[in-house]
Every structure is written in structure tokens, then in C-alpha cells.
C-alpha atoms as a PDB file:
ATOM      1  CA  MET A   1       0.085   0.032  -0.063  1.00  0.00           C
ATOM      2  CA  ASP A   2       1.316   3.512  -0.773  1.00  0.00           C
ATOM      3  CA  ASP A   3       2.517   5.586   2.182  1.00  0.00           C
ATOM      4  CA  PRO A   4      -0.164   8.170   3.075  1.00  0.00           C
ATOM      5  CA  ALA A   5       2.538  10.861   3.159  1.00  0.00           C
ATOM      6  CA  SER A   6       3.048  10.456  -0.465  1.00  0.00           C
ATOM      7  CA  CYS A   7      -0.585  11.616  -1.160  1.00  0.00           C
ATOM      8  CA  GLU A   8       0.075  14.979   0.512  1.00  0.00           C
ATOM      9  CA  THR A   9      -0.840  17.910  -1.515  1.00  0.00           C
ATOM     10  CA  THR A  10       0.100  21.436  -1.501  1.00  0.00           C
ATOM     11  CA  ASP A  11      -3.495  22.857  -0.817  1.00  0.00           C
ATOM     12  CA  ASP A  12      -5.451  22.771   2.573  1.00  0.00           C
ATOM     13  CA  TYR A  13      -7.019  19.285   1.769  1.00  0.00           C
ATOM     14  CA  ASP A  14      -6.487  16.717   4.693  1.00  0.00           C
ATOM     15  CA  VAL A  15      -9.170  14.075   5.188  1.00  0.00           C
ATOM     16  CA  ARG A  16      -8.013  13.565   8.708  1.00  0.00           C
ATOM     17  CA  GLN A  17      -9.201  16.986   9.694  1.00  0.00           C
ATOM     18  CA  TRP A  18     -12.831  16.561   8.616  1.00  0.00           C
ATOM     19  CA  ASP A  19     -14.137  15.876  12.033  1.00  0.00           C
ATOM     20  CA  THR A  20     -11.648  18.058  13.999  1.00  0.00           C
ATOM     21  CA  ARG A  21     -11.523  21.473  12.197  1.00  0.00           C
ATOM     22  CA  GLU A  22     -13.746  24.015  13.971  1.00  0.00           C
ATOM     23  CA  GLY A  23     -16.817  24.790  12.035  1.00  0.00           C
ATOM     24  CA  CYS A  24     -16.086  22.118   9.313  1.00  0.00           C
ATOM     25  CA  GLU A  25     -19.290  20.240   8.296  1.00  0.00           C
ATOM     26  CA  VAL A  26     -17.688  18.137   5.397  1.00  0.00           C
ATOM     27  CA  ARG A  27     -18.552  14.929   6.859  1.00  0.00           C
ATOM     28  CA  GLN A  28     -22.147  15.747   7.826  1.00  0.00           C
ATOM     29  CA  ILE A  29     -22.588  17.161   4.320  1.00  0.00           C
ATOM     30  CA  LEU A  30     -21.135  14.241   2.683  1.00  0.00           C
ATOM     31  CA  ASP A  31     -23.267  11.737   4.730  1.00  0.00           C
ATOM     32  CA  ARG A  32     -26.529  13.724   3.807  1.00  0.00           C
ATOM     33  CA  VAL A  33     -25.895  14.153   0.065  1.00  0.00           C
ATOM     34  CA  ALA A  34     -24.473  10.616  -0.424  1.00  0.00           C
ATOM     35  CA  ASP A  35     -27.306   8.810   1.071  1.00  0.00           C
ATOM     36  CA  LYS A  36     -29.232   6.701  -1.527  1.00  0.00           C
ATOM     37  CA  TRP A  37     -32.457   8.536  -1.231  1.00  0.00           C
ATOM     38  CA  SER A  38     -30.842  12.038  -1.671  1.00  0.00           C
ATOM     39  CA  LEU A  39     -28.790  10.541  -4.858  1.00  0.00           C
ATOM     40  CA  LEU A  40     -31.958   9.519  -6.411  1.00  0.00           C
ATOM     41  CA  VAL A  41     -33.897  12.681  -5.647  1.00  0.00           C
ATOM     42  CA  ILE A  42     -31.027  14.727  -6.998  1.00  0.00           C
ATOM     43  CA  ALA A  43     -30.873  12.584 -10.156  1.00  0.00           C
ATOM     44  CA  LEU A  44     -34.652  12.702 -10.735  1.00  0.00           C
ATOM     45  CA  LEU A  45     -34.774  16.664 -10.278  1.00  0.00           C
ATOM     46  CA  ASP A  46     -32.127  17.193 -12.717  1.00  0.00           C
ATOM     47  CA  CYS A  47     -34.049  18.436 -15.868  1.00  0.00           C
ATOM     48  CA  GLN A  48     -37.618  18.967 -14.260  1.00  0.00           C
ATOM     49  CA  SER A  49     -39.392  19.978 -11.021  1.00  0.00           C
ATOM     50  CA  LEU A  50     -41.641  17.219  -9.731  1.00  0.00           C
ATOM     51  CA  ARG A  51     -44.494  16.926  -7.197  1.00  0.00           C
ATOM     52  CA  PHE A  52     -43.899  14.814  -4.004  1.00  0.00           C
ATOM     53  CA  SER A  53     -46.299  12.160  -5.341  1.00  0.00           C
ATOM     54  CA  GLU A  54     -44.226  11.977  -8.607  1.00  0.00           C
ATOM     55  CA  LEU A  55     -41.010  11.604  -6.639  1.00  0.00           C
ATOM     56  CA  ARG A  56     -42.440   8.884  -4.408  1.00  0.00           C
ATOM     57  CA  ARG A  57     -43.741   6.919  -7.559  1.00  0.00           C
ATOM     58  CA  GLU A  58     -40.353   7.228  -9.113  1.00  0.00           C
ATOM     59  CA  ILE A  59     -38.124   6.137  -6.236  1.00  0.00           C
ATOM     60  CA  ASP A  60     -38.925   2.619  -5.406  1.00  0.00           C
ATOM     61  CA  GLY A  61     -38.916   1.528  -1.717  1.00  0.00           C
ATOM     62  CA  VAL A  62     -38.838   5.027  -0.328  1.00  0.00           C
ATOM     63  CA  SER A  63     -41.476   5.680   2.490  1.00  0.00           C
ATOM     64  CA  GLN A  64     -43.467   8.938   2.514  1.00  0.00           C
ATOM     65  CA  ARG A  65     -41.781   9.835   5.700  1.00  0.00           C
ATOM     66  CA  MET A  66     -38.260   9.098   4.529  1.00  0.00           C
ATOM     67  CA  LEU A  67     -38.915  11.132   1.346  1.00  0.00           C
ATOM     68  CA  SER A  68     -40.249  13.947   3.452  1.00  0.00           C
ATOM     69  CA  VAL A  69     -37.126  14.084   5.568  1.00  0.00           C
ATOM     70  CA  THR A  70     -34.880  13.720   2.599  1.00  0.00           C
ATOM     71  CA  LEU A  71     -36.372  16.706   0.693  1.00  0.00           C
ATOM     72  CA  ARG A  72     -36.491  18.775   3.911  1.00  0.00           C
ATOM     73  CA  HIS A  73     -32.793  18.100   4.455  1.00  0.00           C
ATOM     74  CA  LEU A  74     -31.893  18.946   0.809  1.00  0.00           C
ATOM     75  CA  GLU A  75     -34.040  22.085   1.057  1.00  0.00           C
ATOM     76  CA  ARG A  76     -32.267  23.039   4.223  1.00  0.00           C
ATOM     77  CA  ASP A  77     -28.913  22.637   2.548  1.00  0.00           C
ATOM     78  CA  GLY A  78     -29.931  24.749  -0.452  1.00  0.00           C
ATOM     79  CA  LEU A  79     -29.915  21.973  -2.953  1.00  0.00           C
ATOM     80  CA  VAL A  80     -33.709  21.594  -3.606  1.00  0.00           C
ATOM     81  CA  SER A  81     -36.350  24.328  -3.685  1.00  0.00           C
ATOM     82  CA  ARG A  82     -39.845  23.873  -2.699  1.00  0.00           C
ATOM     83  CA  THR A  83     -42.611  25.992  -4.354  1.00  0.00           C
ATOM     84  CA  VAL A  84     -45.998  26.103  -3.018  1.00  0.00           C
ATOM     85  CA  HIS A  85     -48.730  27.017  -5.484  1.00  0.00           C
ATOM     86  CA  PRO A  86     -51.923  28.650  -4.197  1.00  0.00           C
ATOM     87  CA  VAL A  87     -54.474  26.168  -5.769  1.00  0.00           C
ATOM     88  CA  VAL A  88     -56.896  23.844  -4.394  1.00  0.00           C
ATOM     89  CA  PRO A  89     -55.803  21.113  -3.748  1.00  0.00           C
ATOM     90  CA  PRO A  90     -52.435  22.423  -2.832  1.00  0.00           C
ATOM     91  CA  ARG A  91     -49.598  21.779  -5.249  1.00  0.00           C
ATOM     92  CA  VAL A  92     -46.049  21.747  -4.211  1.00  0.00           C
ATOM     93  CA  ASP A  93     -43.021  21.360  -6.599  1.00  0.00           C
ATOM     94  CA  TYR A  94     -39.558  20.463  -5.802  1.00  0.00           C
ATOM     95  CA  ALA A  95     -36.623  21.370  -8.144  1.00  0.00           C
ATOM     96  CA  LEU A  96     -32.842  21.664  -7.982  1.00  0.00           C
ATOM     97  CA  THR A  97     -31.468  25.005  -7.031  1.00  0.00           C
ATOM     98  CA  PRO A  98     -28.424  26.126  -8.941  1.00  0.00           C
ATOM     99  CA  LEU A  99     -26.088  24.714  -6.262  1.00  0.00           C
ATOM    100  CA  GLY A 100     -28.002  21.360  -6.522  1.00  0.00           C
ATOM    101  CA  ARG A 101     -27.414  21.294 -10.268  1.00  0.00           C
ATOM    102  CA  THR A 102     -23.547  21.475  -9.516  1.00  0.00           C
ATOM    103  CA  LEU A 103     -23.919  18.370  -7.208  1.00  0.00           C
ATOM    104  CA  HIS A 104     -25.668  16.661  -9.979  1.00  0.00           C
ATOM    105  CA  GLU A 105     -22.679  17.098 -12.236  1.00  0.00           C
ATOM    106  CA  THR A 106     -20.447  15.311  -9.536  1.00  0.00           C
ATOM    107  CA  ILE A 107     -23.135  12.606  -9.113  1.00  0.00           C
ATOM    108  CA  LYS A 108     -23.262  11.943 -12.822  1.00  0.00           C
ATOM    109  CA  ALA A 109     -19.298  11.565 -12.854  1.00  0.00           C
ATOM    110  CA  LEU A 110     -19.547   9.107 -10.061  1.00  0.00           C
ATOM    111  CA  VAL A 111     -22.230   7.125 -11.807  1.00  0.00           C
ATOM    112  CA  THR A 112     -20.082   7.106 -15.036  1.00  0.00           C
ATOM    113  CA  TRP A 113     -17.099   5.768 -13.078  1.00  0.00           C
ATOM    114  CA  THR A 114     -19.098   2.954 -11.726  1.00  0.00           C
ATOM    115  CA  GLU A 115     -20.554   2.093 -14.983  1.00  0.00           C
ATOM    116  CA  ASP A 116     -16.960   2.106 -16.571  1.00  0.00           C
ATOM    117  CA  HIS A 117     -15.606  -0.228 -13.685  1.00  0.00           C
ATOM    118  CA  GLN A 118     -18.551  -2.324 -12.806  1.00  0.00           C
ATOM    119  CA  ARG A 119     -17.114  -5.500 -14.511  1.00  0.00           C
ATOM    120  CA  GLU A 120     -13.853  -4.953 -12.612  1.00  0.00           C
ATOM    121  CA  ILE A 121     -15.739  -4.632  -9.437  1.00  0.00           C
ATOM    122  CA  ALA A 122     -17.706  -7.606  -9.967  1.00  0.00           C
ATOM    123  CA  GLU A 123     -14.666  -9.670 -10.718  1.00  0.00           C
ATOM    124  CA  ALA A 124     -13.015  -8.296  -7.523  1.00  0.00           C
ATOM    125  CA  ARG A 125     -16.089  -9.147  -5.508  1.00  0.00           C
ATOM    126  CA  ALA A 126     -16.197 -12.827  -6.808  1.00  0.00           C
ATOM    127  CA  ALA A 127     -12.440 -13.277  -6.275  1.00  0.00           C
ATOM    128  CA  TYR A 128     -13.011 -12.162  -2.805  1.00  0.00           C
ATOM    129  CA  ASP A 129     -16.084 -14.284  -2.120  1.00  0.00           C
ATOM    130  CA  ARG A 130     -14.096 -17.280  -3.387  1.00  0.00           C
ATOM    131  CA  GLY A 131     -11.236 -16.545  -1.058  1.00  0.00           C
ATOM    132  CA  ARG A 132     -13.607 -16.026   1.973  1.00  0.00           C
ATOM    133  CA  GLU A 133     -15.393 -19.493   0.968  1.00  0.00           C
ATOM    134  CA  MET A 134     -12.010 -21.190   1.102  1.00  0.00           C
ATOM    135  CA  MET A 135     -11.041 -19.515   4.520  1.00  0.00           C
ATOM    136  CA  ASP A 136     -14.415 -20.493   5.997  1.00  0.00           C
ATOM    137  CA  ALA A 137     -14.183 -24.089   4.635  1.00  0.00           C
END
């Protein structure tokens, strides 16, 4: 394995400080935006605004409560906007903010990397599982 010191950069990036720097919320933000429900919401809102019921229909397995919590957190973080239309029955639309769109670009890059390397990851998993089976036997 490479020496961690060899990965040092000249900028102020030090992963070991994420939890210790005063006022740094990097880990909390990463936890929030990298959970599976947030990723799906951000991806679905990329090119369109959607109503709560449309999001719920599109996201298989999400509960009403979990989707509500996810949308509230994303709105609080400035990634999603919520627009209430004064009609009966009430209509609420959710859309990505400009900040949310910048995050979607990063998510697309991660998905592309995953697609490009899925075969290698599957092979690594199979090799690992074979090794574990031999150790457990």
C-alpha cells in the first residue's frame, strides 16, 4: 500500500481533519448528499421539477416519511427548492437549485465511473468471495 504521506497535496485538503476542524461540516454534508435517497432525488430533479407524489412514485422503496425528511434536508442545505402553488388542492413542486445542479454534475461523474468499472468490481467481489469461502471451509 502507498505511504499516506506520498499523497500529501499543497492545498489545505486533509481528510483526517474533517471531524476536527472547527466549523467544518464536510462529513455531515457528505453523509447527507451521499445517502441513497438524496442521490435519487437529485438525479430525478435534474431536468424537471416534480411533485412529492411523482417523486415517491419514481423512487422504489422510499417511504413517505423518508422522502419528506430527505426533501426537507436537501431544501435546508440549499440543494432543492420547494414551491407551493396557491391552488386547491395544494400543489408543491420540488426542483434543484443552481447549487443542487452543480452537485448533480458530480453525481453523474460518479455514476459514469461506476458504469465504466462495474465489471472490474464484480470480478474483485467474486475473487474476494471465493477467498472467503476457502477460508471458511
